[in-house]
């Protein structure tokens, strides 16, 4: 059974906002979203995200519009370890199951949902296909998600990548409510 929801965040890291229209159910997530940022310069982001079973990324299409130009990215995962960006093969992503769209709290949901980290103890170290915004470059990013327990607004999960650490809060459905330093869900 599929559930539809609209999620909106104030994204302090970009000086903007994001809204995602999400459908999920039976281990699959589909979303389309729009964001506006003002840092480092004003830009608009539009994206469509499709996952396969187990919330594994199938495809992320992103467009960034700025004053000087428009950039687009078509990131695809074949489900067997192969990733392409605009049809060009990406080496070094073989273990990655997920994309991580920079400055977007939505894509933090996929690994948390897959491993139930918003409901039960555990820790997972995962390779992500990280997409920078607004440049839309793709690079490998090792990330660790660790269940910490109940929080003020949901379940706390520590996110770590390199030397960066932040204790995120997820709602009962596995979506970010609060990502300190990045975004806060709007009511």
N, C-alpha and C. Protein backbone atom coordinates (compact mmCIF):
# COMPACT_ATOMS: atom_id res chain seq x y z
N UNK A 1 0.83 -1.19 0.00
CA UNK A 1 0.00 0.00 0.00
C UNK A 1 0.88 1.25 0.00
N UNK A 2 0.56 2.19 -0.85
CA UNK A 2 1.36 3.39 -1.01
C UNK A 2 0.78 4.54 -0.18
N UNK A 3 1.68 5.33 0.41
CA UNK A 3 1.30 6.51 1.18
C UNK A 3 1.86 7.74 0.47
N UNK A 4 1.05 8.77 0.35
CA UNK A 4 1.50 10.05 -0.22
C UNK A 4 1.64 11.06 0.89
N UNK A 5 2.69 11.87 0.80
CA UNK A 5 2.91 12.90 1.81
C UNK A 5 3.65 14.07 1.17
N UNK A 6 3.51 15.23 1.77
CA UNK A 6 4.25 16.42 1.36
C UNK A 6 5.10 16.83 2.55
N UNK A 7 6.41 16.95 2.30
CA UNK A 7 7.36 17.32 3.35
C UNK A 7 8.05 18.62 2.95
N UNK A 8 8.12 19.55 3.89
CA UNK A 8 8.79 20.83 3.62
C UNK A 8 9.78 21.12 4.74
N UNK A 9 10.94 21.67 4.35
CA UNK A 9 11.98 22.01 5.30
C UNK A 9 12.47 23.44 5.06
N UNK A 10 12.86 24.08 6.14
CA UNK A 10 13.66 25.29 6.06
C UNK A 10 15.09 24.80 6.01
N UNK A 11 15.81 25.16 4.95
CA UNK A 11 17.18 24.65 4.76
C UNK A 11 18.16 25.78 5.07
N UNK A 12 18.60 25.83 6.31
CA UNK A 12 19.47 26.91 6.75
C UNK A 12 20.82 26.87 6.05
N UNK A 13 21.31 25.68 5.70
CA UNK A 13 22.63 25.56 5.05
C UNK A 13 22.67 26.24 3.68
N UNK A 14 21.52 26.32 3.00
CA UNK A 14 21.49 26.97 1.68
C UNK A 14 20.78 28.33 1.72
N UNK A 15 20.26 28.69 2.90
CA UNK A 15 19.50 29.93 3.01
C UNK A 15 18.20 29.85 2.23
N UNK A 16 17.56 28.67 2.23
CA UNK A 16 16.35 28.49 1.44
C UNK A 16 15.37 27.50 2.02
N UNK A 17 14.60 26.89 1.14
CA UNK A 17 13.53 25.96 1.50
C UNK A 17 13.50 24.81 0.51
N UNK A 18 12.91 23.69 0.97
CA UNK A 18 12.69 22.54 0.09
C UNK A 18 11.33 21.94 0.38
N UNK A 19 10.64 21.52 -0.66
CA UNK A 19 9.40 20.76 -0.53
C UNK A 19 9.51 19.52 -1.40
N UNK A 20 9.12 18.38 -0.85
CA UNK A 20 9.13 17.12 -1.58
C UNK A 20 7.74 16.49 -1.52
N UNK A 21 7.28 16.03 -2.68
CA UNK A 21 6.05 15.27 -2.77
C UNK A 21 6.47 13.81 -2.86
N UNK A 22 6.14 13.03 -1.84
CA UNK A 22 6.68 11.68 -1.69
C UNK A 22 5.57 10.64 -1.72
N UNK A 23 5.83 9.55 -2.43
CA UNK A 23 4.99 8.35 -2.38
C UNK A 23 5.89 7.22 -1.95
N UNK A 24 5.47 6.47 -0.92
CA UNK A 24 6.26 5.34 -0.49
C UNK A 24 5.35 4.19 -0.07
N UNK A 25 5.92 3.02 -0.06
CA UNK A 25 5.22 1.82 0.38
C UNK A 25 5.88 0.59 -0.19
N UNK A 26 5.81 -0.50 0.55
CA UNK A 26 6.38 -1.78 0.13
C UNK A 26 7.85 -1.67 -0.26
N UNK A 27 8.61 -0.85 0.47
CA UNK A 27 10.05 -0.75 0.24
C UNK A 27 10.47 0.09 -0.94
N UNK A 28 9.54 0.86 -1.50
CA UNK A 28 9.84 1.69 -2.67
C UNK A 28 9.46 3.14 -2.36
N UNK A 29 10.28 4.07 -2.83
CA UNK A 29 10.04 5.49 -2.63
C UNK A 29 10.15 6.20 -3.97
N UNK A 30 9.20 7.08 -4.22
CA UNK A 30 9.26 7.98 -5.38
C UNK A 30 9.00 9.38 -4.86
N UNK A 31 9.79 10.33 -5.36
CA UNK A 31 9.62 11.70 -4.89
C UNK A 31 9.95 12.68 -6.01
N UNK A 32 9.30 13.81 -5.93
CA UNK A 32 9.69 14.94 -6.76
C UNK A 32 9.76 16.13 -5.82
N UNK A 33 10.75 16.96 -6.04
CA UNK A 33 10.95 18.05 -5.11
C UNK A 33 11.43 19.31 -5.79
N UNK A 34 11.29 20.39 -5.06
CA UNK A 34 11.74 21.70 -5.50
C UNK A 34 12.41 22.37 -4.31
N UNK A 35 13.49 23.07 -4.58
CA UNK A 35 14.18 23.81 -3.52
C UNK A 35 14.68 25.12 -4.09
N UNK A 36 14.83 26.07 -3.20
CA UNK A 36 15.44 27.34 -3.56
C UNK A 36 16.55 27.59 -2.54
N UNK A 37 17.68 28.05 -3.02
CA UNK A 37 18.79 28.39 -2.14
C UNK A 37 19.32 29.76 -2.50
N UNK A 38 20.00 30.38 -1.55
CA UNK A 38 20.57 31.70 -1.79
C UNK A 38 22.08 31.71 -1.58
N UNK A 39 22.65 30.55 -1.14
CA UNK A 39 24.07 30.45 -0.87
C UNK A 39 24.67 29.35 -1.72
N UNK A 40 25.72 29.53 -2.47
CA UNK A 40 26.58 30.71 -2.55
C UNK A 40 26.01 31.81 -3.42
N UNK A 41 24.99 31.48 -4.24
CA UNK A 41 24.27 32.47 -5.05
C UNK A 41 22.86 31.94 -5.22
N UNK A 42 21.88 32.77 -5.56
CA UNK A 42 20.51 32.28 -5.71
C UNK A 42 20.38 31.21 -6.80
N UNK A 43 19.64 30.14 -6.48
CA UNK A 43 19.40 29.07 -7.44
C UNK A 43 18.11 28.33 -7.10
N UNK A 44 17.58 27.65 -8.11
CA UNK A 44 16.42 26.77 -7.97
C UNK A 44 16.88 25.35 -8.24
N UNK A 45 16.35 24.38 -7.52
CA UNK A 45 16.63 22.96 -7.76
C UNK A 45 15.30 22.25 -7.97
N UNK A 46 15.25 21.41 -9.00
CA UNK A 46 14.12 20.52 -9.22
C UNK A 46 14.69 19.11 -9.32
N UNK A 47 14.00 18.14 -8.71
CA UNK A 47 14.50 16.77 -8.79
C UNK A 47 13.36 15.76 -8.81
N UNK A 48 13.69 14.60 -9.35
CA UNK A 48 12.82 13.43 -9.31
C UNK A 48 13.68 12.27 -8.87
N UNK A 49 13.19 11.52 -7.89
CA UNK A 49 13.92 10.38 -7.32
C UNK A 49 13.05 9.15 -7.41
N UNK A 50 13.61 8.05 -7.91
CA UNK A 50 12.92 6.77 -7.96
C UNK A 50 13.82 5.73 -7.32
N UNK A 51 13.24 4.90 -6.45
CA UNK A 51 13.99 3.80 -5.88
C UNK A 51 13.37 2.47 -6.29
N UNK A 52 14.17 1.42 -6.20
CA UNK A 52 13.70 0.06 -6.42
C UNK A 52 13.40 -0.56 -5.05
N UNK A 53 13.14 -1.84 -5.02
CA UNK A 53 12.88 -2.54 -3.76
C UNK A 53 14.00 -2.29 -2.76
N UNK A 54 13.61 -2.15 -1.49
CA UNK A 54 14.59 -1.91 -0.43
C UNK A 54 15.09 -0.48 -0.40
N UNK A 55 14.35 0.43 -1.03
CA UNK A 55 14.72 1.85 -1.06
C UNK A 55 16.08 2.08 -1.71
N UNK A 56 16.47 1.21 -2.64
CA UNK A 56 17.74 1.35 -3.36
C UNK A 56 17.53 2.29 -4.54
N UNK A 57 18.39 3.29 -4.65
CA UNK A 57 18.26 4.28 -5.72
C UNK A 57 18.25 3.60 -7.08
N UNK A 58 17.30 3.98 -7.89
CA UNK A 58 17.25 3.58 -9.29
C UNK A 58 17.68 4.75 -10.17
N UNK A 59 17.10 5.94 -9.87
CA UNK A 59 17.38 7.10 -10.72
C UNK A 59 17.12 8.39 -9.95
N UNK A 60 18.02 9.37 -10.16
CA UNK A 60 17.86 10.72 -9.64
C UNK A 60 18.09 11.67 -10.80
N UNK A 61 17.08 12.45 -11.11
CA UNK A 61 17.20 13.50 -12.14
C UNK A 61 17.13 14.84 -11.41
N UNK A 62 18.14 15.69 -11.66
CA UNK A 62 18.23 16.98 -10.96
C UNK A 62 18.52 18.08 -11.98
N UNK A 63 17.86 19.22 -11.80
CA UNK A 63 18.15 20.42 -12.58
C UNK A 63 18.37 21.56 -11.61
N UNK A 64 19.44 22.32 -11.83
CA UNK A 64 19.72 23.52 -11.04
C UNK A 64 19.71 24.70 -11.99
N UNK A 65 18.91 25.71 -11.66
CA UNK A 65 18.84 26.93 -12.45
C UNK A 65 19.42 28.08 -11.65
N UNK A 66 20.39 28.76 -12.23
CA UNK A 66 20.98 29.94 -11.62
C UNK A 66 20.90 31.11 -12.60
N UNK A 67 21.40 32.25 -12.20
CA UNK A 67 21.34 33.43 -13.06
C UNK A 67 22.17 33.24 -14.32
N UNK A 68 23.33 32.57 -14.20
CA UNK A 68 24.25 32.45 -15.33
C UNK A 68 23.94 31.25 -16.23
N UNK A 69 23.44 30.15 -15.64
CA UNK A 69 23.20 28.97 -16.47
C UNK A 69 22.33 27.94 -15.76
N UNK A 70 21.94 26.94 -16.53
CA UNK A 70 21.16 25.81 -16.01
C UNK A 70 22.01 24.55 -16.17
N UNK A 71 22.05 23.74 -15.10
CA UNK A 71 22.77 22.47 -15.13
C UNK A 71 21.76 21.34 -14.90
N UNK A 72 22.04 20.18 -15.49
CA UNK A 72 21.20 19.01 -15.27
C UNK A 72 22.07 17.79 -15.02
N UNK A 73 21.52 16.83 -14.30
CA UNK A 73 22.19 15.56 -14.02
C UNK A 73 21.15 14.45 -14.08
N UNK A 74 21.51 13.37 -14.76
CA UNK A 74 20.69 12.16 -14.79
C UNK A 74 21.57 11.05 -14.21
N UNK A 75 21.37 10.75 -12.93
CA UNK A 75 22.17 9.75 -12.20
C UNK A 75 21.37 8.46 -12.15
N UNK A 76 21.98 7.36 -12.61
CA UNK A 76 21.28 6.07 -12.65
C UNK A 76 22.11 4.98 -12.00
N UNK A 77 21.38 4.07 -11.36
CA UNK A 77 21.97 2.89 -10.72
C UNK A 77 21.28 1.67 -11.31
N UNK A 78 22.06 0.72 -11.78
CA UNK A 78 21.48 -0.44 -12.45
C UNK A 78 21.05 -1.56 -11.49
N UNK A 79 21.26 -1.37 -10.18
CA UNK A 79 20.86 -2.37 -9.20
C UNK A 79 21.90 -3.47 -9.01
N UNK A 80 22.95 -3.45 -9.81
CA UNK A 80 24.01 -4.46 -9.72
C UNK A 80 25.37 -3.81 -9.45
N UNK A 81 25.38 -2.57 -8.99
CA UNK A 81 26.63 -1.90 -8.66
C UNK A 81 27.12 -0.92 -9.71
N UNK A 82 26.45 -0.84 -10.84
CA UNK A 82 26.85 0.10 -11.89
C UNK A 82 26.11 1.42 -11.77
N UNK A 83 26.85 2.51 -11.82
CA UNK A 83 26.29 3.86 -11.76
C UNK A 83 26.74 4.63 -13.00
N UNK A 84 25.83 5.47 -13.51
CA UNK A 84 26.16 6.37 -14.61
C UNK A 84 25.65 7.77 -14.28
N UNK A 85 26.36 8.77 -14.79
CA UNK A 85 25.94 10.16 -14.70
C UNK A 85 25.86 10.68 -16.13
N UNK A 86 24.67 11.03 -16.56
CA UNK A 86 24.44 11.50 -17.93
C UNK A 86 24.98 10.50 -18.95
N UNK A 87 24.81 9.21 -18.65
CA UNK A 87 25.21 8.15 -19.57
C UNK A 87 26.66 7.72 -19.46
N UNK A 88 27.47 8.45 -18.70
CA UNK A 88 28.89 8.11 -18.52
C UNK A 88 29.06 7.25 -17.27
N UNK A 89 29.75 6.13 -17.41
CA UNK A 89 29.98 5.23 -16.28
C UNK A 89 30.79 5.92 -15.18
N UNK A 90 30.39 5.69 -13.92
CA UNK A 90 31.09 6.25 -12.76
C UNK A 90 31.88 5.15 -12.07
N UNK A 91 33.20 5.18 -12.13
CA UNK A 91 33.98 4.17 -11.41
C UNK A 91 34.04 4.48 -9.92
N UNK A 92 34.22 3.45 -9.10
CA UNK A 92 34.39 3.65 -7.66
C UNK A 92 33.11 3.71 -6.86
N UNK A 93 31.97 3.36 -7.48
CA UNK A 93 30.69 3.42 -6.78
C UNK A 93 30.05 2.04 -6.62
N UNK A 94 30.80 0.97 -6.88
CA UNK A 94 30.25 -0.38 -6.93
C UNK A 94 29.46 -0.81 -5.71
N UNK A 95 29.84 -0.36 -4.52
CA UNK A 95 29.13 -0.76 -3.30
C UNK A 95 27.99 0.18 -2.93
N UNK A 96 27.82 1.26 -3.66
CA UNK A 96 26.80 2.26 -3.33
C UNK A 96 25.41 1.79 -3.73
N UNK A 97 24.45 1.94 -2.81
CA UNK A 97 23.05 1.65 -3.08
C UNK A 97 22.22 2.92 -3.19
N UNK A 98 22.75 4.00 -2.63
CA UNK A 98 21.97 5.23 -2.51
C UNK A 98 22.68 6.42 -3.11
N UNK A 99 21.86 7.38 -3.55
CA UNK A 99 22.36 8.71 -3.85
C UNK A 99 22.15 9.56 -2.61
N UNK A 100 22.88 10.64 -2.51
CA UNK A 100 22.70 11.61 -1.44
C UNK A 100 22.76 12.98 -2.10
N UNK A 101 21.60 13.60 -2.25
CA UNK A 101 21.52 14.92 -2.87
C UNK A 101 21.92 15.96 -1.84
N UNK A 102 23.02 16.66 -2.10
CA UNK A 102 23.53 17.67 -1.18
C UNK A 102 22.47 18.69 -0.81
N UNK A 103 22.48 19.09 0.44
CA UNK A 103 21.58 20.11 1.01
C UNK A 103 20.12 19.67 1.03
N UNK A 104 19.85 18.38 0.78
CA UNK A 104 18.48 17.86 0.82
C UNK A 104 18.34 16.83 1.92
N UNK A 105 17.47 17.07 2.91
CA UNK A 105 17.27 16.08 3.96
C UNK A 105 16.49 14.84 3.50
N UNK A 106 15.85 14.90 2.34
CA UNK A 106 15.05 13.77 1.88
C UNK A 106 15.87 12.50 1.68
N UNK A 107 17.04 12.61 1.05
CA UNK A 107 17.79 11.41 0.69
C UNK A 107 18.43 10.71 1.88
N UNK A 108 18.42 11.33 3.07
CA UNK A 108 18.88 10.64 4.27
C UNK A 108 17.89 9.55 4.70
N UNK A 109 16.68 9.59 4.16
CA UNK A 109 15.67 8.61 4.55
C UNK A 109 15.96 7.21 4.02
N UNK A 110 16.52 7.10 2.83
CA UNK A 110 16.64 5.78 2.20
C UNK A 110 17.44 4.77 3.03
N UNK A 111 18.67 5.08 3.49
CA UNK A 111 19.39 4.09 4.29
C UNK A 111 18.73 3.84 5.65
N UNK A 112 18.13 4.87 6.22
CA UNK A 112 17.45 4.71 7.51
C UNK A 112 16.23 3.80 7.36
N UNK A 113 15.44 4.02 6.32
CA UNK A 113 14.28 3.16 6.07
C UNK A 113 14.69 1.72 5.79
N UNK A 114 15.69 1.54 4.92
CA UNK A 114 16.12 0.19 4.54
C UNK A 114 16.54 -0.63 5.75
N UNK A 115 17.27 0.01 6.68
CA UNK A 115 17.82 -0.71 7.83
C UNK A 115 17.00 -0.51 9.11
N UNK A 116 15.87 0.19 9.02
CA UNK A 116 14.99 0.37 10.18
C UNK A 116 15.63 1.14 11.32
N UNK A 117 16.59 2.01 11.01
CA UNK A 117 17.32 2.72 12.06
C UNK A 117 16.49 3.78 12.77
N UNK A 118 15.30 4.07 12.29
CA UNK A 118 14.39 4.98 12.99
C UNK A 118 13.52 4.21 13.99
N UNK A 119 13.70 2.87 14.04
CA UNK A 119 12.88 2.03 14.92
C UNK A 119 13.67 1.10 15.82
N UNK A 120 14.92 0.81 15.45
CA UNK A 120 15.67 -0.21 16.21
C UNK A 120 17.16 0.09 16.20
N UNK A 121 17.86 -0.39 17.24
CA UNK A 121 19.30 -0.17 17.32
C UNK A 121 20.03 -0.77 16.13
N UNK A 122 21.12 -0.12 15.79
CA UNK A 122 21.98 -0.61 14.72
C UNK A 122 22.89 0.49 14.24
N UNK A 123 23.87 0.08 13.44
CA UNK A 123 24.79 1.02 12.82
C UNK A 123 25.15 0.48 11.45
N UNK A 124 25.18 1.35 10.46
CA UNK A 124 25.53 0.95 9.10
C UNK A 124 26.50 1.96 8.50
N UNK A 125 27.59 1.44 7.93
CA UNK A 125 28.53 2.27 7.17
C UNK A 125 28.28 1.98 5.71
N UNK A 126 27.96 3.02 4.95
CA UNK A 126 27.49 2.86 3.57
C UNK A 126 28.20 3.82 2.63
N UNK A 127 28.40 3.36 1.42
CA UNK A 127 28.93 4.21 0.36
C UNK A 127 27.77 4.87 -0.38
N UNK A 128 27.85 6.17 -0.57
CA UNK A 128 26.80 6.93 -1.26
C UNK A 128 27.36 7.58 -2.52
N UNK A 129 26.49 7.78 -3.48
CA UNK A 129 26.80 8.61 -4.65
C UNK A 129 26.33 10.02 -4.28
N UNK A 130 27.26 10.83 -3.76
CA UNK A 130 26.92 12.16 -3.24
C UNK A 130 26.94 13.17 -4.38
N UNK A 131 25.84 13.93 -4.47
CA UNK A 131 25.66 14.93 -5.53
C UNK A 131 25.74 16.32 -4.91
N UNK A 132 26.72 17.12 -5.30
CA UNK A 132 26.86 18.46 -4.75
C UNK A 132 25.82 19.39 -5.38
N UNK A 133 25.36 20.34 -4.59
CA UNK A 133 24.41 21.36 -5.05
C UNK A 133 25.02 22.70 -4.71
N UNK A 134 25.11 23.62 -5.66
CA UNK A 134 24.47 23.65 -6.97
C UNK A 134 25.30 23.11 -8.13
N UNK A 135 26.54 22.65 -7.91
CA UNK A 135 27.42 22.26 -9.01
C UNK A 135 27.00 20.97 -9.73
N UNK A 136 26.32 20.06 -9.02
CA UNK A 136 25.88 18.77 -9.55
C UNK A 136 27.03 17.84 -9.93
N UNK A 137 28.13 17.93 -9.20
CA UNK A 137 29.20 16.95 -9.36
C UNK A 137 28.87 15.73 -8.50
N UNK A 138 29.34 14.56 -8.89
CA UNK A 138 29.05 13.32 -8.17
C UNK A 138 30.37 12.73 -7.68
N UNK A 139 30.40 12.38 -6.39
CA UNK A 139 31.60 11.75 -5.86
C UNK A 139 31.20 10.69 -4.82
N UNK A 140 32.07 9.69 -4.61
CA UNK A 140 31.78 8.69 -3.58
C UNK A 140 31.90 9.30 -2.19
N UNK A 141 31.02 8.90 -1.29
CA UNK A 141 31.03 9.42 0.07
C UNK A 141 30.66 8.29 1.03
N UNK A 142 31.61 7.91 1.90
CA UNK A 142 31.31 6.93 2.94
C UNK A 142 30.57 7.64 4.07
N UNK A 143 29.45 7.07 4.48
CA UNK A 143 28.61 7.66 5.53
C UNK A 143 28.22 6.58 6.52
N UNK A 144 28.12 6.96 7.78
CA UNK A 144 27.70 6.04 8.83
C UNK A 144 26.44 6.58 9.49
N UNK A 145 25.45 5.71 9.64
CA UNK A 145 24.20 6.01 10.33
C UNK A 145 24.12 5.12 11.57
N UNK A 146 23.91 5.75 12.75
CA UNK A 146 23.88 5.01 14.00
C UNK A 146 22.63 5.38 14.80
N UNK A 147 21.81 4.40 15.14
CA UNK A 147 20.63 4.60 15.99
C UNK A 147 21.08 5.07 17.37
N UNK A 148 20.48 6.16 17.87
CA UNK A 148 20.82 6.68 19.20
C UNK A 148 19.67 6.57 20.20
N UNK A 149 18.44 6.40 19.74
CA UNK A 149 17.30 6.30 20.64
C UNK A 149 16.34 7.47 20.50
N UNK A 150 15.36 7.53 21.41
CA UNK A 150 14.34 8.59 21.33
C UNK A 150 14.93 9.98 21.49
N UNK A 151 14.32 10.92 20.78
CA UNK A 151 14.71 12.33 20.87
C UNK A 151 13.50 13.19 21.17
N UNK A 152 13.69 14.48 21.08
CA UNK A 152 12.61 15.44 21.36
C UNK A 152 11.46 15.33 20.37
N UNK A 153 11.79 15.15 19.06
CA UNK A 153 10.76 15.18 18.02
C UNK A 153 10.67 13.87 17.24
N UNK A 154 11.38 12.84 17.69
CA UNK A 154 11.37 11.57 16.98
C UNK A 154 12.50 10.69 17.47
N UNK A 155 13.08 9.94 16.55
CA UNK A 155 14.20 9.06 16.87
C UNK A 155 15.50 9.70 16.41
N UNK A 156 16.49 9.70 17.30
CA UNK A 156 17.78 10.29 16.96
C UNK A 156 18.66 9.25 16.26
N UNK A 157 19.27 9.67 15.17
CA UNK A 157 20.20 8.85 14.41
C UNK A 157 21.42 9.71 14.11
N UNK A 158 22.60 9.21 14.49
CA UNK A 158 23.82 9.98 14.21
C UNK A 158 24.24 9.74 12.76
N UNK A 159 24.50 10.84 12.07
CA UNK A 159 25.04 10.81 10.71
C UNK A 159 26.49 11.23 10.79
N UNK A 160 27.37 10.45 10.16
CA UNK A 160 28.79 10.81 10.16
C UNK A 160 29.37 10.56 8.77
N UNK A 161 30.20 11.49 8.33
CA UNK A 161 30.91 11.36 7.06
C UNK A 161 32.23 12.10 7.21
N UNK A 162 33.34 11.37 7.11
CA UNK A 162 34.64 12.00 7.37
C UNK A 162 34.69 12.49 8.80
N UNK A 163 35.03 13.76 8.99
CA UNK A 163 35.08 14.33 10.35
C UNK A 163 33.76 14.99 10.75
N UNK A 164 32.78 15.02 9.83
CA UNK A 164 31.49 15.65 10.11
C UNK A 164 30.57 14.69 10.87
N UNK A 165 29.89 15.21 11.90
CA UNK A 165 28.92 14.42 12.67
C UNK A 165 27.73 15.31 13.00
N UNK A 166 26.54 14.72 12.93
CA UNK A 166 25.33 15.44 13.33
C UNK A 166 24.29 14.43 13.79
N UNK A 167 23.59 14.75 14.87
CA UNK A 167 22.53 13.88 15.39
C UNK A 167 21.19 14.34 14.82
N UNK A 168 20.71 13.59 13.83
CA UNK A 168 19.47 13.90 13.14
C UNK A 168 18.29 13.31 13.90
N UNK A 169 17.12 13.89 13.71
CA UNK A 169 15.89 13.29 14.25
C UNK A 169 14.99 12.92 13.09
N UNK A 170 14.47 11.69 13.14
CA UNK A 170 13.57 11.16 12.12
C UNK A 170 12.20 10.92 12.73
N UNK A 171 11.15 11.13 11.94
CA UNK A 171 9.80 10.84 12.43
C UNK A 171 9.56 9.33 12.38
N UNK A 172 8.37 8.90 12.81
CA UNK A 172 8.04 7.48 12.87
C UNK A 172 8.02 6.83 11.50
N UNK A 173 7.89 7.63 10.43
CA UNK A 173 7.87 7.10 9.07
C UNK A 173 9.25 7.07 8.42
N UNK A 174 10.28 7.57 9.13
CA UNK A 174 11.65 7.50 8.63
C UNK A 174 12.13 8.71 7.85
N UNK A 175 11.49 9.87 8.02
CA UNK A 175 11.88 11.09 7.31
C UNK A 175 12.44 12.12 8.29
N UNK A 176 13.42 12.88 7.84
CA UNK A 176 14.11 13.86 8.70
C UNK A 176 13.14 14.93 9.19
N UNK A 177 13.17 15.12 10.51
CA UNK A 177 12.44 16.20 11.15
C UNK A 177 13.41 17.35 11.47
N UNK A 178 14.60 16.97 11.93
CA UNK A 178 15.60 17.98 12.28
C UNK A 178 16.99 17.47 11.92
N UNK A 179 17.72 18.28 11.17
CA UNK A 179 19.10 17.99 10.80
C UNK A 179 19.89 19.21 11.20
N UNK A 180 20.44 19.24 12.45
CA UNK A 180 21.12 20.43 12.95
C UNK A 180 22.19 20.94 11.96
N UNK A 181 22.12 22.23 11.70
CA UNK A 181 23.06 22.86 10.79
C UNK A 181 22.67 22.76 9.33
N UNK A 182 21.66 21.95 9.01
CA UNK A 182 21.24 21.82 7.61
C UNK A 182 19.78 22.22 7.42
N UNK A 183 18.85 21.53 8.11
CA UNK A 183 17.43 21.76 7.83
C UNK A 183 16.54 21.38 9.00
N UNK A 184 15.38 22.02 9.04
CA UNK A 184 14.34 21.70 10.02
C UNK A 184 13.01 21.60 9.30
N UNK A 185 12.27 20.54 9.60
CA UNK A 185 10.96 20.34 8.97
C UNK A 185 10.00 21.42 9.40
N UNK A 186 9.22 21.93 8.45
CA UNK A 186 8.18 22.91 8.73
C UNK A 186 6.89 22.17 9.05
N UNK A 187 6.10 22.76 9.95
CA UNK A 187 4.84 22.12 10.35
C UNK A 187 3.82 22.19 9.24
